[in-house]
Amino acid sequence: MIASTVPSCAGWHDAAAPGDVQRLAQLAESRAKGLEEAGAAAPGDLAAIRSVLQSGAVSASARVLTGKWRCRTMKLGGLTPAIVYSWFNCRIAEKGGALAFEKLSGSQRTSGTLYPDGEGFVYLGASYVTGEKPHPYSGNGAGAGADVTPDDQIGRLSLLYDGRARLELPYPTKESTFDVIELKR
């Protein structure tokens, strides 16, 4: 059973860099600021963004989340009002005794570990591009006095009442104010 092999709730606190813990604590602020900046986006993009962000969340188990997903990234604020990317392939699976999330296709990819936390999961991962070996989350090993590395990501994964899921990434280190990855089967 996967649920018994997933890291404990306190595990993510031990692995996360202090700067990332702070970013996660600012998730609601990042989401609100990103939505405000996205106000000038195309109507279709705004509808997609609102659909995934306004959907209610339900309790999630590793067993329910495990499997293949279609996913798309939505970047709010920052360099542009908003960008809603096409659908790509993602997967949530057990890896090495932990639950892992991976975006498997597209030029921008991400992979990392999901830690149970309340009714959802905290994500600690890193971004990379096609052709590169996946980058590990550096956590407390950011080095040279940096709070975080440019590739590190922290977020919250929630299962939505309609069977979709969302991975919210507050204050990404690149390009945008707030990112959300929508997942659907």
N, C-alpha and C. Protein backbone atom coordinates (compact mmCIF):
# COMPACT_ATOMS: atom_id res chain seq x y z
N MET A 1 0.84 -1.18 0.00
CA MET A 1 0.00 0.00 0.00
C MET A 1 0.89 1.25 0.00
N ILE A 2 0.67 2.15 -0.91
CA ILE A 2 1.50 3.33 -1.06
C ILE A 2 1.42 4.25 0.15
N ALA A 3 0.25 4.45 0.70
CA ALA A 3 0.07 5.41 1.80
C ALA A 3 1.01 5.13 2.96
N SER A 4 1.33 3.87 3.23
CA SER A 4 2.19 3.56 4.36
C SER A 4 3.66 3.83 4.05
N THR A 5 4.02 4.01 2.79
CA THR A 5 5.41 4.23 2.45
C THR A 5 5.71 5.69 2.13
N VAL A 6 4.70 6.55 2.15
CA VAL A 6 4.89 7.96 1.86
C VAL A 6 5.53 8.62 3.07
N PRO A 7 6.47 9.56 2.88
CA PRO A 7 7.13 10.22 4.00
C PRO A 7 6.13 10.85 4.96
N SER A 8 6.52 10.95 6.22
CA SER A 8 5.63 11.51 7.23
C SER A 8 5.40 13.00 7.01
N CYS A 9 4.36 13.52 7.66
CA CYS A 9 3.99 14.93 7.50
C CYS A 9 5.13 15.88 7.82
N ALA A 10 5.90 15.58 8.85
CA ALA A 10 6.97 16.49 9.24
C ALA A 10 8.15 16.42 8.28
N GLY A 11 8.21 15.40 7.43
CA GLY A 11 9.34 15.21 6.53
C GLY A 11 9.61 16.40 5.62
N TRP A 12 8.57 17.04 5.11
CA TRP A 12 8.81 18.14 4.19
C TRP A 12 9.43 19.34 4.91
N HIS A 13 9.08 19.56 6.16
CA HIS A 13 9.69 20.66 6.92
C HIS A 13 11.19 20.45 7.07
N ASP A 14 11.57 19.19 7.26
CA ASP A 14 12.99 18.87 7.42
C ASP A 14 13.76 19.03 6.12
N ALA A 15 13.11 18.79 4.98
CA ALA A 15 13.79 18.83 3.69
C ALA A 15 13.76 20.20 3.03
N ALA A 16 12.80 21.04 3.38
CA ALA A 16 12.60 22.32 2.69
C ALA A 16 13.56 23.40 3.18
N ALA A 17 14.02 24.20 2.24
CA ALA A 17 14.83 25.37 2.57
C ALA A 17 13.94 26.41 3.26
N PRO A 18 14.48 27.20 4.18
CA PRO A 18 13.68 28.22 4.85
C PRO A 18 12.98 29.17 3.88
N GLY A 19 13.63 29.56 2.80
CA GLY A 19 13.00 30.43 1.81
C GLY A 19 11.80 29.78 1.15
N ASP A 20 11.86 28.46 0.94
CA ASP A 20 10.73 27.74 0.35
C ASP A 20 9.58 27.61 1.34
N VAL A 21 9.89 27.38 2.61
CA VAL A 21 8.84 27.32 3.63
C VAL A 21 8.10 28.66 3.66
N GLN A 22 8.85 29.75 3.55
CA GLN A 22 8.24 31.08 3.53
C GLN A 22 7.36 31.26 2.30
N ARG A 23 7.84 30.80 1.13
CA ARG A 23 7.03 30.91 -0.09
C ARG A 23 5.71 30.16 0.07
N LEU A 24 5.76 28.95 0.63
CA LEU A 24 4.53 28.18 0.80
C LEU A 24 3.57 28.88 1.77
N ALA A 25 4.12 29.51 2.80
CA ALA A 25 3.28 30.25 3.74
C ALA A 25 2.59 31.44 3.06
N GLN A 26 3.12 31.89 1.93
CA GLN A 26 2.56 33.02 1.19
C GLN A 26 1.74 32.57 -0.01
N LEU A 27 1.28 31.32 -0.01
CA LEU A 27 0.53 30.79 -1.15
C LEU A 27 -0.70 31.65 -1.46
N ALA A 28 -1.51 31.96 -0.48
CA ALA A 28 -2.73 32.75 -0.73
C ALA A 28 -2.39 34.14 -1.27
N GLU A 29 -1.36 34.76 -0.74
CA GLU A 29 -0.92 36.07 -1.22
C GLU A 29 -0.43 35.99 -2.67
N SER A 30 0.37 34.98 -2.97
CA SER A 30 0.89 34.79 -4.33
C SER A 30 -0.24 34.55 -5.32
N ARG A 31 -1.22 33.71 -4.92
CA ARG A 31 -2.37 33.43 -5.79
C ARG A 31 -3.16 34.71 -6.06
N ALA A 32 -3.44 35.48 -5.02
CA ALA A 32 -4.21 36.73 -5.18
C ALA A 32 -3.47 37.73 -6.06
N LYS A 33 -2.19 37.89 -5.84
CA LYS A 33 -1.40 38.83 -6.66
C LYS A 33 -1.33 38.35 -8.10
N GLY A 34 -1.12 37.04 -8.31
CA GLY A 34 -1.09 36.49 -9.67
C GLY A 34 -2.41 36.68 -10.39
N LEU A 35 -3.53 36.45 -9.68
CA LEU A 35 -4.85 36.66 -10.29
C LEU A 35 -5.07 38.12 -10.65
N GLU A 36 -4.62 39.02 -9.80
CA GLU A 36 -4.75 40.44 -10.10
C GLU A 36 -3.95 40.80 -11.36
N GLU A 37 -2.72 40.31 -11.46
CA GLU A 37 -1.88 40.59 -12.62
C GLU A 37 -2.42 39.91 -13.88
N ALA A 38 -3.14 38.83 -13.72
CA ALA A 38 -3.69 38.09 -14.87
C ALA A 38 -4.96 38.73 -15.41
N GLY A 39 -5.44 39.76 -14.78
CA GLY A 39 -6.69 40.40 -15.18
C GLY A 39 -6.74 40.85 -16.63
N ALA A 40 -5.59 41.12 -17.24
CA ALA A 40 -5.54 41.57 -18.63
C ALA A 40 -5.36 40.42 -19.62
N ALA A 41 -5.43 39.20 -19.14
CA ALA A 41 -5.23 38.02 -20.01
C ALA A 41 -6.45 37.80 -20.91
N ALA A 42 -6.27 36.97 -21.91
CA ALA A 42 -7.36 36.62 -22.82
C ALA A 42 -8.51 35.98 -22.04
N PRO A 43 -9.76 36.25 -22.44
CA PRO A 43 -10.92 35.71 -21.71
C PRO A 43 -10.89 34.18 -21.55
N GLY A 44 -10.47 33.46 -22.58
CA GLY A 44 -10.41 32.00 -22.48
C GLY A 44 -9.39 31.53 -21.45
N ASP A 45 -8.25 32.22 -21.40
CA ASP A 45 -7.23 31.88 -20.41
C ASP A 45 -7.75 32.16 -19.00
N LEU A 46 -8.41 33.30 -18.82
CA LEU A 46 -8.96 33.62 -17.50
C LEU A 46 -10.01 32.60 -17.06
N ALA A 47 -10.83 32.13 -17.99
CA ALA A 47 -11.84 31.13 -17.65
C ALA A 47 -11.18 29.83 -17.19
N ALA A 48 -10.12 29.40 -17.87
CA ALA A 48 -9.41 28.18 -17.48
C ALA A 48 -8.76 28.34 -16.11
N ILE A 49 -8.15 29.50 -15.88
CA ILE A 49 -7.50 29.77 -14.60
C ILE A 49 -8.52 29.77 -13.47
N ARG A 50 -9.62 30.46 -13.66
CA ARG A 50 -10.65 30.51 -12.61
C ARG A 50 -11.25 29.14 -12.35
N SER A 51 -11.42 28.35 -13.39
CA SER A 51 -12.00 27.02 -13.24
C SER A 51 -11.18 26.16 -12.28
N VAL A 52 -9.88 26.17 -12.44
CA VAL A 52 -9.05 25.32 -11.58
C VAL A 52 -8.83 25.93 -10.20
N LEU A 53 -8.76 27.26 -10.11
CA LEU A 53 -8.50 27.87 -8.81
C LEU A 53 -9.74 28.00 -7.95
N GLN A 54 -10.91 28.10 -8.55
CA GLN A 54 -12.14 28.27 -7.77
C GLN A 54 -12.80 26.96 -7.42
N SER A 55 -12.30 25.86 -7.93
CA SER A 55 -12.87 24.56 -7.63
C SER A 55 -12.53 24.15 -6.20
N GLY A 56 -13.49 23.58 -5.51
CA GLY A 56 -13.29 23.15 -4.14
C GLY A 56 -12.42 21.91 -4.04
N ALA A 57 -11.65 21.83 -2.96
CA ALA A 57 -10.76 20.69 -2.73
C ALA A 57 -11.41 19.70 -1.77
N VAL A 58 -11.02 18.45 -1.91
CA VAL A 58 -11.48 17.37 -1.04
C VAL A 58 -10.26 16.63 -0.51
N SER A 59 -10.45 15.82 0.50
CA SER A 59 -9.36 15.03 1.06
C SER A 59 -8.77 14.11 0.00
N ALA A 60 -7.45 14.01 -0.03
CA ALA A 60 -6.77 13.20 -1.05
C ALA A 60 -5.90 12.14 -0.40
N SER A 61 -5.92 10.96 -0.99
CA SER A 61 -5.03 9.88 -0.55
C SER A 61 -4.04 9.59 -1.66
N ALA A 62 -2.93 9.01 -1.30
CA ALA A 62 -1.92 8.63 -2.29
C ALA A 62 -2.52 7.67 -3.31
N ARG A 63 -3.35 6.76 -2.85
CA ARG A 63 -3.95 5.76 -3.74
C ARG A 63 -4.82 6.41 -4.81
N VAL A 64 -5.59 7.43 -4.44
CA VAL A 64 -6.46 8.11 -5.40
C VAL A 64 -5.64 8.91 -6.40
N LEU A 65 -4.54 9.51 -5.96
CA LEU A 65 -3.73 10.37 -6.82
C LEU A 65 -2.80 9.59 -7.76
N THR A 66 -2.42 8.39 -7.36
CA THR A 66 -1.45 7.62 -8.14
C THR A 66 -1.99 7.27 -9.52
N GLY A 67 -1.14 7.47 -10.52
CA GLY A 67 -1.50 7.10 -11.89
C GLY A 67 -1.10 8.15 -12.90
N LYS A 68 -1.57 7.94 -14.13
CA LYS A 68 -1.28 8.86 -15.23
C LYS A 68 -2.30 9.99 -15.24
N TRP A 69 -1.82 11.17 -15.57
CA TRP A 69 -2.64 12.38 -15.65
C TRP A 69 -2.28 13.14 -16.91
N ARG A 70 -3.21 13.95 -17.40
CA ARG A 70 -2.91 15.00 -18.37
C ARG A 70 -2.78 16.26 -17.54
N CYS A 71 -1.84 17.12 -17.90
CA CYS A 71 -1.63 18.32 -17.09
C CYS A 71 -1.28 19.51 -17.97
N ARG A 72 -1.61 20.69 -17.46
CA ARG A 72 -1.20 21.92 -18.15
C ARG A 72 -0.82 22.95 -17.10
N THR A 73 0.21 23.69 -17.42
CA THR A 73 0.72 24.73 -16.55
C THR A 73 0.08 26.05 -16.91
N MET A 74 -0.26 26.82 -15.89
CA MET A 74 -0.79 28.17 -16.05
C MET A 74 0.10 29.10 -15.24
N LYS A 75 0.67 30.10 -15.92
CA LYS A 75 1.55 31.07 -15.27
C LYS A 75 0.81 32.39 -15.17
N LEU A 76 0.70 32.91 -13.97
CA LEU A 76 -0.03 34.15 -13.73
C LEU A 76 0.93 35.24 -13.30
N GLY A 77 0.81 36.41 -13.93
CA GLY A 77 1.60 37.56 -13.56
C GLY A 77 3.06 37.45 -13.96
N GLY A 78 3.82 38.43 -13.55
CA GLY A 78 5.24 38.45 -13.87
C GLY A 78 5.49 39.01 -15.25
N LEU A 79 6.12 38.26 -16.12
CA LEU A 79 6.51 38.73 -17.45
C LEU A 79 5.32 39.04 -18.36
N THR A 80 4.23 38.30 -18.20
CA THR A 80 3.01 38.52 -18.99
C THR A 80 1.82 38.41 -18.06
N PRO A 81 0.64 38.90 -18.48
CA PRO A 81 -0.52 38.77 -17.58
C PRO A 81 -0.79 37.30 -17.22
N ALA A 82 -0.82 36.43 -18.22
CA ALA A 82 -1.04 34.99 -17.96
C ALA A 82 -0.71 34.20 -19.21
N ILE A 83 -0.27 32.98 -19.00
CA ILE A 83 -0.04 32.02 -20.07
C ILE A 83 -0.68 30.71 -19.64
N VAL A 84 -1.52 30.13 -20.49
CA VAL A 84 -2.09 28.81 -20.25
C VAL A 84 -1.53 27.90 -21.33
N TYR A 85 -0.71 26.95 -20.93
CA TYR A 85 -0.06 26.05 -21.87
C TYR A 85 -1.00 24.92 -22.30
N SER A 86 -0.59 24.20 -23.33
CA SER A 86 -1.32 23.02 -23.81
C SER A 86 -1.20 21.88 -22.80
N TRP A 87 -1.94 20.82 -23.09
CA TRP A 87 -1.94 19.64 -22.22
C TRP A 87 -0.72 18.77 -22.51
N PHE A 88 -0.13 18.24 -21.43
CA PHE A 88 1.02 17.35 -21.51
C PHE A 88 0.76 16.13 -20.62
N ASN A 89 1.73 15.24 -20.56
CA ASN A 89 1.61 14.03 -19.75
C ASN A 89 2.30 14.21 -18.40
N CYS A 90 1.62 13.80 -17.35
CA CYS A 90 2.17 13.82 -16.00
C CYS A 90 1.88 12.47 -15.34
N ARG A 91 2.57 12.25 -14.24
CA ARG A 91 2.37 10.99 -13.51
C ARG A 91 2.62 11.23 -12.03
N ILE A 92 1.82 10.56 -11.22
CA ILE A 92 2.06 10.48 -9.78
C ILE A 92 2.26 9.02 -9.48
N ALA A 93 3.41 8.68 -8.89
CA ALA A 93 3.75 7.29 -8.65
C ALA A 93 4.62 7.14 -7.41
N GLU A 94 4.65 5.93 -6.89
CA GLU A 94 5.57 5.64 -5.80
C GLU A 94 6.97 5.47 -6.40
N LYS A 95 7.94 6.12 -5.79
CA LYS A 95 9.34 6.01 -6.21
C LYS A 95 10.21 5.99 -4.96
N GLY A 96 10.92 4.92 -4.78
CA GLY A 96 11.84 4.84 -3.65
C GLY A 96 11.17 5.03 -2.30
N GLY A 97 9.96 4.54 -2.13
CA GLY A 97 9.26 4.64 -0.86
C GLY A 97 8.57 5.96 -0.62
N ALA A 98 8.51 6.81 -1.64
CA ALA A 98 7.84 8.11 -1.51
C ALA A 98 6.91 8.30 -2.70
N LEU A 99 5.99 9.25 -2.58
CA LEU A 99 5.10 9.59 -3.66
C LEU A 99 5.76 10.69 -4.48
N ALA A 100 5.81 10.53 -5.81
CA ALA A 100 6.50 11.48 -6.68
C ALA A 100 5.56 12.01 -7.75
N PHE A 101 5.75 13.28 -8.10
CA PHE A 101 5.04 13.92 -9.20
C PHE A 101 6.05 14.21 -10.29
N GLU A 102 5.67 13.93 -11.56
CA GLU A 102 6.53 14.22 -12.70
C GLU A 102 5.70 14.77 -13.86
N LYS A 103 6.17 15.84 -14.47
CA LYS A 103 5.64 16.31 -15.74
C LYS A 103 6.56 15.70 -16.79
N LEU A 104 6.02 14.80 -17.62
CA LEU A 104 6.82 13.93 -18.47
C LEU A 104 7.02 14.43 -19.89
N SER A 105 6.23 15.39 -20.36
CA SER A 105 6.36 15.86 -21.73
C SER A 105 6.33 17.38 -21.77
N GLY A 106 6.66 17.94 -22.92
CA GLY A 106 6.77 19.38 -23.06
C GLY A 106 8.21 19.81 -22.84
N SER A 107 8.51 21.04 -23.19
CA SER A 107 9.89 21.51 -23.07
C SER A 107 10.26 21.85 -21.63
N GLN A 108 9.31 22.33 -20.84
CA GLN A 108 9.55 22.63 -19.43
C GLN A 108 8.98 21.49 -18.59
N ARG A 109 9.83 20.90 -17.78
CA ARG A 109 9.42 19.75 -16.98
C ARG A 109 9.69 19.99 -15.51
N THR A 110 9.13 19.13 -14.70
CA THR A 110 9.34 19.22 -13.26
C THR A 110 9.21 17.83 -12.65
N SER A 111 9.89 17.62 -11.56
CA SER A 111 9.74 16.36 -10.83
C SER A 111 10.11 16.60 -9.38
N GLY A 112 9.47 15.84 -8.50
CA GLY A 112 9.76 15.98 -7.09
C GLY A 112 8.91 15.07 -6.24
N THR A 113 9.00 15.27 -4.94
CA THR A 113 8.35 14.43 -3.95
C THR A 113 7.12 15.12 -3.39
N LEU A 114 6.08 14.31 -3.15
CA LEU A 114 4.84 14.77 -2.52
C LEU A 114 4.79 14.25 -1.09
N TYR A 115 4.60 15.15 -0.14
CA TYR A 115 4.53 14.80 1.28
C TYR A 115 3.12 15.04 1.80
N PRO A 116 2.50 14.05 2.46
CA PRO A 116 1.17 14.27 3.00
C PRO A 116 1.18 15.45 3.98
N ASP A 117 0.14 16.29 3.89
CA ASP A 117 0.05 17.46 4.75
C ASP A 117 -1.41 17.87 4.81
N GLY A 118 -2.06 17.63 5.91
CA GLY A 118 -3.48 17.94 6.03
C GLY A 118 -4.27 17.09 5.06
N GLU A 119 -5.15 17.73 4.28
CA GLU A 119 -5.97 16.99 3.32
C GLU A 119 -5.34 16.90 1.95
N GLY A 120 -4.15 17.45 1.77
CA GLY A 120 -3.46 17.41 0.49
C GLY A 120 -2.01 17.00 0.68
N PHE A 121 -1.17 17.52 -0.20
CA PHE A 121 0.25 17.16 -0.19
C PHE A 121 1.09 18.41 -0.45
N VAL A 122 2.27 18.45 0.16
CA VAL A 122 3.25 19.49 -0.15
C VAL A 122 4.22 18.90 -1.16
N TYR A 123 4.52 19.68 -2.18
CA TYR A 123 5.42 19.27 -3.26
C TYR A 123 6.76 19.98 -3.09
N LEU A 124 7.85 19.22 -3.07
CA LEU A 124 9.21 19.74 -3.12
C LEU A 124 9.86 19.14 -4.35
N GLY A 125 10.17 19.99 -5.33
CA GLY A 125 10.73 19.49 -6.58
C GLY A 125 11.59 20.53 -7.24
N ALA A 126 11.90 20.25 -8.50
CA ALA A 126 12.73 21.17 -9.27
C ALA A 126 12.32 21.11 -10.74
N SER A 127 12.48 22.24 -11.41
CA SER A 127 12.18 22.31 -12.84
C SER A 127 13.45 22.01 -13.64
N TYR A 128 13.24 21.58 -14.87
CA TYR A 128 14.33 21.33 -15.81
C TYR A 128 13.74 21.37 -17.20
N VAL A 129 14.57 21.32 -18.22
CA VAL A 129 14.08 21.34 -19.59
C VAL A 129 14.38 20.02 -20.28
N THR A 130 13.63 19.75 -21.33
CA THR A 130 13.81 18.53 -22.11
C THR A 130 15.28 18.39 -22.50
N GLY A 131 15.79 17.18 -22.36
CA GLY A 131 17.19 16.90 -22.69
C GLY A 131 18.10 16.95 -21.49
N GLU A 132 17.68 17.64 -20.43
CA GLU A 132 18.46 17.66 -19.19
C GLU A 132 18.04 16.50 -18.31
N LYS A 133 18.95 16.06 -17.49
CA LYS A 133 18.63 15.10 -16.45
C LYS A 133 17.78 15.83 -15.41
N PRO A 134 16.73 15.19 -14.87
CA PRO A 134 15.92 15.87 -13.85
C PRO A 134 16.80 16.40 -12.71
N HIS A 135 16.50 17.62 -12.29
CA HIS A 135 17.25 18.24 -11.20
C HIS A 135 16.62 17.82 -9.87
N PRO A 136 17.44 17.49 -8.90
CA PRO A 136 16.88 17.20 -7.57
C PRO A 136 16.54 18.50 -6.85
N TYR A 137 15.60 18.43 -5.95
CA TYR A 137 15.30 19.56 -5.08
C TYR A 137 16.51 19.76 -4.17
N SER A 138 17.04 20.98 -4.10
CA SER A 138 18.26 21.21 -3.32
C SER A 138 17.98 21.44 -1.84
N GLY A 139 16.78 21.93 -1.52
CA GLY A 139 16.40 22.12 -0.12
C GLY A 139 17.39 22.95 0.65
N ASN A 140 17.84 22.40 1.76
CA ASN A 140 18.77 23.12 2.61
C ASN A 140 20.18 23.19 2.02
N GLY A 141 20.39 22.60 0.85
CA GLY A 141 21.71 22.61 0.22
C GLY A 141 21.79 23.59 -0.94
N ALA A 142 21.08 24.72 -0.88
CA ALA A 142 21.07 25.68 -1.99
C ALA A 142 22.45 26.24 -2.27
N GLY A 143 23.28 26.37 -1.29
CA GLY A 143 24.67 26.75 -1.48
C GLY A 143 24.91 28.24 -1.63
N ALA A 144 26.13 28.64 -1.38
CA ALA A 144 26.62 30.00 -1.55
C ALA A 144 25.72 31.05 -0.91
N GLY A 145 25.07 30.70 0.18
CA GLY A 145 24.24 31.66 0.90
C GLY A 145 22.87 31.91 0.29
N ALA A 146 22.54 31.21 -0.79
CA ALA A 146 21.24 31.41 -1.44
C ALA A 146 20.14 30.77 -0.62
N ASP A 147 18.96 31.43 -0.59
CA ASP A 147 17.81 30.85 0.09
C ASP A 147 17.25 29.68 -0.71
N VAL A 148 17.23 29.82 -2.04
CA VAL A 148 16.72 28.77 -2.93
C VAL A 148 17.55 28.78 -4.21
N THR A 149 17.50 27.69 -4.95
CA THR A 149 18.14 27.67 -6.26
C THR A 149 17.08 28.08 -7.30
N PRO A 150 17.49 28.49 -8.49
CA PRO A 150 16.52 28.91 -9.51
C PRO A 150 15.56 27.79 -9.94
N ASP A 151 15.95 26.55 -9.76
CA ASP A 151 15.12 25.43 -10.21
C ASP A 151 14.20 24.87 -9.13
N ASP A 152 14.46 25.19 -7.86
CA ASP A 152 13.66 24.63 -6.77
C ASP A 152 12.22 25.12 -6.83
N GLN A 153 11.31 24.20 -6.46
CA GLN A 153 9.89 24.51 -6.43
C GLN A 153 9.29 23.97 -5.14
N ILE A 154 8.32 24.70 -4.62
CA ILE A 154 7.52 24.22 -3.50
C ILE A 154 6.07 24.51 -3.85
N GLY A 155 5.19 23.63 -3.47
CA GLY A 155 3.79 23.85 -3.79
C GLY A 155 2.87 22.98 -2.97
N ARG A 156 1.59 23.15 -3.23
CA ARG A 156 0.56 22.37 -2.55
C ARG A 156 -0.30 21.69 -3.60
N LEU A 157 -0.41 20.36 -3.51
CA LEU A 157 -1.25 19.57 -4.40
C LEU A 157 -2.56 19.26 -3.70
N SER A 158 -3.66 19.57 -4.38
CA SER A 158 -5.00 19.31 -3.84
C SER A 158 -5.81 18.53 -4.85
N LEU A 159 -6.60 17.60 -4.38
CA LEU A 159 -7.57 16.90 -5.21
C LEU A 159 -8.84 17.73 -5.21
N LEU A 160 -9.43 17.93 -6.38
CA LEU A 160 -10.63 18.75 -6.50
C LEU A 160 -11.87 17.87 -6.50
N TYR A 161 -13.00 18.44 -6.12
CA TYR A 161 -14.23 17.67 -5.97
C TYR A 161 -14.64 16.97 -7.26
N ASP A 162 -14.25 17.51 -8.43
CA ASP A 162 -14.66 16.92 -9.70
C ASP A 162 -13.65 15.90 -10.25
N GLY A 163 -12.65 15.51 -9.44
CA GLY A 163 -11.68 14.50 -9.85
C GLY A 163 -10.40 15.07 -10.44
N ARG A 164 -10.40 16.36 -10.78
CA ARG A 164 -9.15 17.00 -11.21
C ARG A 164 -8.29 17.22 -9.97
N ALA A 165 -7.06 17.66 -10.21
CA ALA A 165 -6.17 18.06 -9.12
C ALA A 165 -5.48 19.35 -9.54
N ARG A 166 -4.94 20.06 -8.57
CA ARG A 166 -4.16 21.26 -8.88
C ARG A 166 -2.92 21.28 -8.00
N LEU A 167 -1.84 21.69 -8.62
CA LEU A 167 -0.57 21.89 -7.92
C LEU A 167 -0.27 23.38 -7.99
N GLU A 168 -0.38 24.06 -6.85
CA GLU A 168 -0.16 25.50 -6.78
C GLU A 168 1.28 25.77 -6.35
N LEU A 169 1.96 26.63 -7.11
CA LEU A 169 3.37 26.94 -6.88
C LEU A 169 3.51 28.44 -6.61
N PRO A 170 3.62 28.84 -5.34
CA PRO A 170 3.69 30.26 -5.01
C PRO A 170 5.06 30.87 -5.31
N TYR A 171 5.02 32.10 -5.79
CA TYR A 171 6.22 32.88 -6.08
C TYR A 171 7.34 32.05 -6.70
N PRO A 172 7.11 31.52 -7.91
CA PRO A 172 8.18 30.77 -8.59
C PRO A 172 9.41 31.66 -8.75
N THR A 173 10.57 31.05 -8.83
CA THR A 173 11.81 31.83 -8.94
C THR A 173 12.01 32.38 -10.35
N LYS A 174 11.22 31.94 -11.32
CA LYS A 174 11.36 32.40 -12.70
C LYS A 174 10.01 32.82 -13.28
N GLU A 175 10.01 33.85 -14.07
CA GLU A 175 8.96 34.26 -15.01
C GLU A 175 7.67 34.81 -14.43
N SER A 176 7.09 34.23 -13.40
CA SER A 176 5.72 34.57 -13.01
C SER A 176 5.59 34.83 -11.52
N THR A 177 4.40 35.28 -11.13
CA THR A 177 4.09 35.54 -9.73
C THR A 177 3.49 34.30 -9.06
N PHE A 178 2.75 33.52 -9.84
CA PHE A 178 2.07 32.34 -9.32
C PHE A 178 1.88 31.36 -10.46
N ASP A 179 2.16 30.09 -10.21
CA ASP A 179 1.92 29.03 -11.19
C ASP A 179 0.94 28.03 -10.60
N VAL A 180 0.11 27.47 -11.47
CA VAL A 180 -0.75 26.36 -11.08
C VAL A 180 -0.70 25.33 -12.21
N ILE A 181 -0.58 24.08 -11.82
CA ILE A 181 -0.63 22.98 -12.78
C ILE A 181 -1.96 22.27 -12.57
N GLU A 182 -2.79 22.26 -13.60
CA GLU A 182 -4.07 21.56 -13.55
C GLU A 182 -3.84 20.14 -14.03
N LEU A 183 -4.38 19.17 -13.30
CA LEU A 183 -4.27 17.76 -13.66
C LEU A 183 -5.66 17.18 -13.86
N LYS A 184 -5.82 16.38 -14.90
CA LYS A 184 -7.08 15.68 -15.10
C LYS A 184 -6.78 14.33 -15.74
N ARG A 185 -7.68 13.38 -15.53
CA ARG A 185 -7.51 12.02 -16.07
C ARG A 185 -8.04 11.96 -17.47
